[in-house]
């Protein structure tokens, strides 16, 4: 536990040094703009920003990309609520309640609820992940080739079961998907 605390403190120190913190703020600004623009998502933006991070140190590059990716889904709520157009695919559900509230003059309340739920979800998710890592790490590291094969077989079975009465077509589609997934391995 002490090692985790030391790693946490050293990580905080790395984040709050000047070039890293500045690049994280630039990433947050880019993510804010991208989240508001409908159709341009977080993964696309990460792919577009890859050429800019090749010359950066790893910590600075991760801070830049993480700052950008963390803000994108939160700011997508703005266009969903105010205009009824989801800025991100993850914010499509906020149109159902948020946009009618904005039409009634309660846009501030809808935006506040969306941003607060995003904040609470991010903090609770990060805490759950931090608590689960020591427990799950041995299990994840013990997964070998037989377990991966069984997971792939389970996935193909799911595809076949969801294909309805055309089970053979589902198995073929799952096999083709598995074939393409193995490219490069």
C-alpha atoms as a PDB file:
ATOM      1  CA  UNK A   1       0.000   0.000   0.000  1.00  0.00           C
ATOM      2  CA  UNK A   2       2.888   2.344   0.748  1.00  0.00           C
ATOM      3  CA  UNK A   3       4.335   1.695  -2.703  1.00  0.00           C
ATOM      4  CA  UNK A   4       1.027   2.746  -4.261  1.00  0.00           C
ATOM      5  CA  UNK A   5       0.998   5.953  -2.224  1.00  0.00           C
ATOM      6  CA  UNK A   6       4.567   6.742  -3.264  1.00  0.00           C
ATOM      7  CA  UNK A   7       3.713   6.081  -6.907  1.00  0.00           C
ATOM      8  CA  UNK A   8       0.636   8.309  -6.590  1.00  0.00           C
ATOM      9  CA  UNK A   9       2.647  11.189  -5.128  1.00  0.00           C
ATOM     10  CA  UNK A  10       5.377  10.878  -7.754  1.00  0.00           C
ATOM     11  CA  UNK A  11       2.691  10.787 -10.461  1.00  0.00           C
ATOM     12  CA  UNK A  12       1.121  13.965  -9.088  1.00  0.00           C
ATOM     13  CA  UNK A  13       4.544  15.576  -9.090  1.00  0.00           C
ATOM     14  CA  UNK A  14       5.022  14.640 -12.750  1.00  0.00           C
ATOM     15  CA  UNK A  15       1.604  15.994 -13.717  1.00  0.00           C
ATOM     16  CA  UNK A  16       2.086  19.364 -12.039  1.00  0.00           C
ATOM     17  CA  UNK A  17       5.499  20.161 -13.517  1.00  0.00           C
ATOM     18  CA  UNK A  18       5.283  22.965 -16.052  1.00  0.00           C
ATOM     19  CA  UNK A  19       5.540  21.448 -19.517  1.00  0.00           C
ATOM     20  CA  UNK A  20       3.290  18.539 -18.581  1.00  0.00           C
ATOM     21  CA  UNK A  21       0.653  20.728 -16.944  1.00  0.00           C
ATOM     22  CA  UNK A  22       0.683  23.201 -19.835  1.00  0.00           C
ATOM     23  CA  UNK A  23       0.251  20.449 -22.404  1.00  0.00           C
ATOM     24  CA  UNK A  24      -2.582  18.977 -20.352  1.00  0.00           C
ATOM     25  CA  UNK A  25      -4.331  22.373 -20.401  1.00  0.00           C
ATOM     26  CA  UNK A  26      -3.872  22.586 -24.183  1.00  0.00           C
ATOM     27  CA  UNK A  27      -5.331  19.077 -24.485  1.00  0.00           C
ATOM     28  CA  UNK A  28      -8.295  20.092 -22.339  1.00  0.00           C
ATOM     29  CA  UNK A  29      -8.921  23.131 -24.559  1.00  0.00           C
ATOM     30  CA  UNK A  30      -8.780  21.011 -27.725  1.00  0.00           C
ATOM     31  CA  UNK A  31     -11.049  18.392 -26.150  1.00  0.00           C
ATOM     32  CA  UNK A  32     -13.523  21.091 -25.167  1.00  0.00           C
ATOM     33  CA  UNK A  33     -13.762  22.366 -28.739  1.00  0.00           C
ATOM     34  CA  UNK A  34     -13.961  18.856 -30.203  1.00  0.00           C
ATOM     35  CA  UNK A  35     -16.680  17.835 -27.745  1.00  0.00           C
ATOM     36  CA  UNK A  36     -18.847  20.737 -28.809  1.00  0.00           C
ATOM     37  CA  UNK A  37     -18.435  19.990 -32.529  1.00  0.00           C
ATOM     38  CA  UNK A  38     -20.917  17.289 -33.545  1.00  0.00           C
ATOM     39  CA  UNK A  39     -19.471  14.413 -35.530  1.00  0.00           C
ATOM     40  CA  UNK A  40     -15.836  14.750 -34.485  1.00  0.00           C
ATOM     41  CA  UNK A  41     -15.300  12.290 -31.636  1.00  0.00           C
ATOM     42  CA  UNK A  42     -12.610  11.594 -29.098  1.00  0.00           C
ATOM     43  CA  UNK A  43     -10.942   8.636 -30.859  1.00  0.00           C
ATOM     44  CA  UNK A  44     -10.764  10.591 -34.112  1.00  0.00           C
ATOM     45  CA  UNK A  45      -9.169  13.520 -32.334  1.00  0.00           C
ATOM     46  CA  UNK A  46      -6.637  11.275 -30.622  1.00  0.00           C
ATOM     47  CA  UNK A  47      -5.720   9.870 -34.039  1.00  0.00           C
ATOM     48  CA  UNK A  48      -5.381  13.386 -35.460  1.00  0.00           C
ATOM     49  CA  UNK A  49      -3.160  14.492 -32.582  1.00  0.00           C
ATOM     50  CA  UNK A  50      -0.734  11.554 -32.825  1.00  0.00           C
ATOM     51  CA  UNK A  51       1.695  13.344 -35.181  1.00  0.00           C
ATOM     52  CA  UNK A  52       2.057  16.165 -32.664  1.00  0.00           C
ATOM     53  CA  UNK A  53       3.115  13.919 -29.793  1.00  0.00           C
ATOM     54  CA  UNK A  54       5.938  12.010 -31.483  1.00  0.00           C
ATOM     55  CA  UNK A  55       8.610  14.433 -30.227  1.00  0.00           C
ATOM     56  CA  UNK A  56       7.148  14.732 -26.713  1.00  0.00           C
ATOM     57  CA  UNK A  57       8.265  12.879 -23.631  1.00  0.00           C
ATOM     58  CA  UNK A  58       5.891  10.001 -22.762  1.00  0.00           C
ATOM     59  CA  UNK A  59       4.494  11.681 -19.633  1.00  0.00           C
ATOM     60  CA  UNK A  60       3.797  14.900 -21.515  1.00  0.00           C
ATOM     61  CA  UNK A  61       2.174  13.041 -24.417  1.00  0.00           C
ATOM     62  CA  UNK A  62      -0.073  11.013 -22.116  1.00  0.00           C
ATOM     63  CA  UNK A  63      -1.078  14.142 -20.178  1.00  0.00           C
ATOM     64  CA  UNK A  64      -1.954  15.896 -23.445  1.00  0.00           C
ATOM     65  CA  UNK A  65      -4.004  12.993 -24.812  1.00  0.00           C
ATOM     66  CA  UNK A  66      -5.654  12.179 -21.482  1.00  0.00           C
ATOM     67  CA  UNK A  67      -6.668  15.796 -20.898  1.00  0.00           C
ATOM     68  CA  UNK A  68      -8.149  15.904 -24.368  1.00  0.00           C
ATOM     69  CA  UNK A  69      -9.975  12.573 -24.163  1.00  0.00           C
ATOM     70  CA  UNK A  70     -11.376  13.186 -20.671  1.00  0.00           C
ATOM     71  CA  UNK A  71     -13.167  16.386 -21.643  1.00  0.00           C
ATOM     72  CA  UNK A  72     -14.652  15.336 -24.986  1.00  0.00           C
ATOM     73  CA  UNK A  73     -17.579  13.288 -23.707  1.00  0.00           C
ATOM     74  CA  UNK A  74     -18.442  15.829 -21.023  1.00  0.00           C
ATOM     75  CA  UNK A  75     -18.622  18.797 -23.383  1.00  0.00           C
ATOM     76  CA  UNK A  76     -20.742  16.842 -25.849  1.00  0.00           C
ATOM     77  CA  UNK A  77     -23.610  17.401 -23.413  1.00  0.00           C
ATOM     78  CA  UNK A  78     -23.635  21.105 -24.244  1.00  0.00           C
ATOM     79  CA  UNK A  79     -24.840  20.685 -27.823  1.00  0.00           C
ATOM     80  CA  UNK A  80     -27.146  17.829 -26.837  1.00  0.00           C
ATOM     81  CA  UNK A  81     -28.955  19.949 -24.304  1.00  0.00           C
ATOM     82  CA  UNK A  82     -28.925  23.331 -26.019  1.00  0.00           C
ATOM     83  CA  UNK A  83     -29.461  22.344 -29.663  1.00  0.00           C
ATOM     84  CA  UNK A  84     -30.762  18.770 -29.563  1.00  0.00           C
ATOM     85  CA  UNK A  85     -27.745  17.531 -31.535  1.00  0.00           C
ATOM     86  CA  UNK A  86     -25.396  15.164 -29.699  1.00  0.00           C
ATOM     87  CA  UNK A  87     -21.803  16.350 -29.767  1.00  0.00           C
ATOM     88  CA  UNK A  88     -20.690  12.794 -29.043  1.00  0.00           C
ATOM     89  CA  UNK A  89     -22.327   9.407 -29.373  1.00  0.00           C
ATOM     90  CA  UNK A  90     -22.182   9.006 -25.592  1.00  0.00           C
ATOM     91  CA  UNK A  91     -24.313  12.116 -25.079  1.00  0.00           C
ATOM     92  CA  UNK A  92     -27.224  11.087 -27.291  1.00  0.00           C
ATOM     93  CA  UNK A  93     -29.331  10.096 -24.285  1.00  0.00           C
ATOM     94  CA  UNK A  94     -29.143  13.600 -22.806  1.00  0.00           C
ATOM     95  CA  UNK A  95     -31.317  14.845 -25.660  1.00  0.00           C
ATOM     96  CA  UNK A  96     -34.314  12.984 -24.236  1.00  0.00           C
ATOM     97  CA  UNK A  97     -34.449  14.979 -20.996  1.00  0.00           C
ATOM     98  CA  UNK A  98     -31.985  17.821 -21.484  1.00  0.00           C
ATOM     99  CA  UNK A  99     -33.261  19.405 -24.678  1.00  0.00           C
ATOM    100  CA  UNK A 100     -36.911  19.664 -23.506  1.00  0.00           C
ATOM    101  CA  UNK A 101     -35.625  21.252 -20.296  1.00  0.00           C
ATOM    102  CA  UNK A 102     -33.651  23.783 -22.348  1.00  0.00           C
ATOM    103  CA  UNK A 103     -36.796  24.600 -24.356  1.00  0.00           C
ATOM    104  CA  UNK A 104     -38.617  25.320 -21.079  1.00  0.00           C
ATOM    105  CA  UNK A 105     -35.861  27.722 -19.986  1.00  0.00           C
ATOM    106  CA  UNK A 106     -34.118  25.285 -17.639  1.00  0.00           C
ATOM    107  CA  UNK A 107     -30.932  24.884 -19.698  1.00  0.00           C
ATOM    108  CA  UNK A 108     -28.711  25.811 -16.760  1.00  0.00           C
ATOM    109  CA  UNK A 109     -30.280  23.164 -14.592  1.00  0.00           C
ATOM    110  CA  UNK A 110     -29.941  20.529 -17.324  1.00  0.00           C
ATOM    111  CA  UNK A 111     -26.299  21.440 -17.981  1.00  0.00           C
ATOM    112  CA  UNK A 112     -25.559  21.416 -14.261  1.00  0.00           C
ATOM    113  CA  UNK A 113     -27.101  17.984 -13.843  1.00  0.00           C
ATOM    114  CA  UNK A 114     -25.186  16.609 -16.835  1.00  0.00           C
ATOM    115  CA  UNK A 115     -21.865  18.047 -15.701  1.00  0.00           C
ATOM    116  CA  UNK A 116     -22.373  16.943 -12.095  1.00  0.00           C
ATOM    117  CA  UNK A 117     -23.253  13.407 -13.140  1.00  0.00           C
ATOM    118  CA  UNK A 118     -20.175  13.350 -15.362  1.00  0.00           C
ATOM    119  CA  UNK A 119     -17.998  14.529 -12.465  1.00  0.00           C
ATOM    120  CA  UNK A 120     -19.413  12.025  -9.984  1.00  0.00           C
ATOM    121  CA  UNK A 121     -19.168   9.193 -12.509  1.00  0.00           C
ATOM    122  CA  UNK A 122     -15.552  10.022 -13.330  1.00  0.00           C
ATOM    123  CA  UNK A 123     -14.488  10.209  -9.682  1.00  0.00           C
ATOM    124  CA  UNK A 124     -16.312   7.039  -8.649  1.00  0.00           C
ATOM    125  CA  UNK A 125     -15.024   5.200 -11.717  1.00  0.00           C
ATOM    126  CA  UNK A 126     -11.440   6.239 -11.000  1.00  0.00           C
ATOM    127  CA  UNK A 127     -11.756   5.167  -7.361  1.00  0.00           C
ATOM    128  CA  UNK A 128     -13.282   1.817  -8.319  1.00  0.00           C
ATOM    129  CA  UNK A 129     -10.509   1.231 -10.834  1.00  0.00           C
ATOM    130  CA  UNK A 130      -7.822   2.148  -8.311  1.00  0.00           C
ATOM    131  CA  UNK A 131      -9.305  -0.241  -5.755  1.00  0.00           C
ATOM    132  CA  UNK A 132      -9.799  -3.050  -8.274  1.00  0.00           C
ATOM    133  CA  UNK A 133      -6.292  -3.028  -9.761  1.00  0.00           C
ATOM    134  CA  UNK A 134      -4.562  -4.904  -6.911  1.00  0.00           C
ATOM    135  CA  UNK A 135      -7.331  -7.513  -6.834  1.00  0.00           C
ATOM    136  CA  UNK A 136      -7.681  -8.033 -10.583  1.00  0.00           C
ATOM    137  CA  UNK A 137      -3.997  -7.813 -11.548  1.00  0.00           C
ATOM    138  CA  UNK A 138      -3.081 -11.448 -10.745  1.00  0.00           C
ATOM    139  CA  UNK A 139      -6.156 -12.688 -12.587  1.00  0.00           C
ATOM    140  CA  UNK A 140      -5.402 -10.637 -15.693  1.00  0.00           C
ATOM    141  CA  UNK A 141      -1.754 -11.675 -15.725  1.00  0.00           C
ATOM    142  CA  UNK A 142      -2.701 -15.352 -15.447  1.00  0.00           C
ATOM    143  CA  UNK A 143      -4.792 -15.270 -18.652  1.00  0.00           C
ATOM    144  CA  UNK A 144      -2.952 -17.270 -21.282  1.00  0.00           C
ATOM    145  CA  UNK A 145      -3.545 -18.605 -24.771  1.00  0.00           C
ATOM    146  CA  UNK A 146      -6.159 -21.239 -23.789  1.00  0.00           C
ATOM    147  CA  UNK A 147      -8.273 -18.648 -21.989  1.00  0.00           C
ATOM    148  CA  UNK A 148      -7.985 -16.220 -24.903  1.00  0.00           C
ATOM    149  CA  UNK A 149      -9.061 -18.988 -27.292  1.00  0.00           C
ATOM    150  CA  UNK A 150     -12.094 -19.749 -25.145  1.00  0.00           C
ATOM    151  CA  UNK A 151     -13.025 -16.041 -25.022  1.00  0.00           C
ATOM    152  CA  UNK A 152     -12.769 -15.857 -28.822  1.00  0.00           C
ATOM    153  CA  UNK A 153     -14.915 -18.974 -29.120  1.00  0.00           C
ATOM    154  CA  UNK A 154     -17.442 -17.444 -26.719  1.00  0.00           C
ATOM    155  CA  UNK A 155     -17.558 -14.304 -28.874  1.00  0.00           C
ATOM    156  CA  UNK A 156     -18.179 -16.322 -32.032  1.00  0.00           C
ATOM    157  CA  UNK A 157     -20.921 -18.224 -30.199  1.00  0.00           C
ATOM    158  CA  UNK A 158     -22.558 -14.947 -29.166  1.00  0.00           C
ATOM    159  CA  UNK A 159     -22.488 -13.720 -32.762  1.00  0.00           C
ATOM    160  CA  UNK A 160     -24.012 -16.987 -33.963  1.00  0.00           C
ATOM    161  CA  UNK A 161     -26.733 -16.898 -31.302  1.00  0.00           C
ATOM    162  CA  UNK A 162     -27.647 -13.309 -32.172  1.00  0.00           C
ATOM    163  CA  UNK A 163     -27.923 -14.097 -35.875  1.00  0.00           C
ATOM    164  CA  UNK A 164     -31.367 -15.628 -35.419  1.00  0.00           C
ATOM    165  CA  UNK A 165     -32.250 -18.510 -37.687  1.00  0.00           C
ATOM    166  CA  UNK A 166     -29.164 -18.091 -39.913  1.00  0.00           C
ATOM    167  CA  UNK A 167     -26.737 -19.702 -37.455  1.00  0.00           C
ATOM    168  CA  UNK A 168     -24.295 -20.746 -40.178  1.00  0.00           C
ATOM    169  CA  UNK A 169     -24.106 -17.171 -41.463  1.00  0.00           C
ATOM    170  CA  UNK A 170     -23.460 -15.985 -37.909  1.00  0.00           C
ATOM    171  CA  UNK A 171     -20.655 -18.503 -37.434  1.00  0.00           C
ATOM    172  CA  UNK A 172     -19.109 -17.484 -40.751  1.00  0.00           C
ATOM    173  CA  UNK A 173     -19.363 -13.787 -39.853  1.00  0.00           C
ATOM    174  CA  UNK A 174     -17.789 -14.454 -36.449  1.00  0.00           C
ATOM    175  CA  UNK A 175     -14.994 -16.472 -38.060  1.00  0.00           C
ATOM    176  CA  UNK A 176     -14.282 -13.697 -40.559  1.00  0.00           C
ATOM    177  CA  UNK A 177     -14.198 -11.196 -37.705  1.00  0.00           C
ATOM    178  CA  UNK A 178     -11.786 -13.424 -35.800  1.00  0.00           C
ATOM    179  CA  UNK A 179      -9.645 -13.754 -38.934  1.00  0.00           C
ATOM    180  CA  UNK A 180      -9.389  -9.977 -39.313  1.00  0.00           C
ATOM    181  CA  UNK A 181      -8.703  -9.566 -35.597  1.00  0.00           C
ATOM    182  CA  UNK A 182      -5.688 -11.869 -35.881  1.00  0.00           C
ATOM    183  CA  UNK A 183      -3.944  -9.695 -38.478  1.00  0.00           C
ATOM    184  CA  UNK A 184      -0.595  -8.669 -37.034  1.00  0.00           C
ATOM    185  CA  UNK A 185      -0.500 -11.261 -34.262  1.00  0.00           C
END
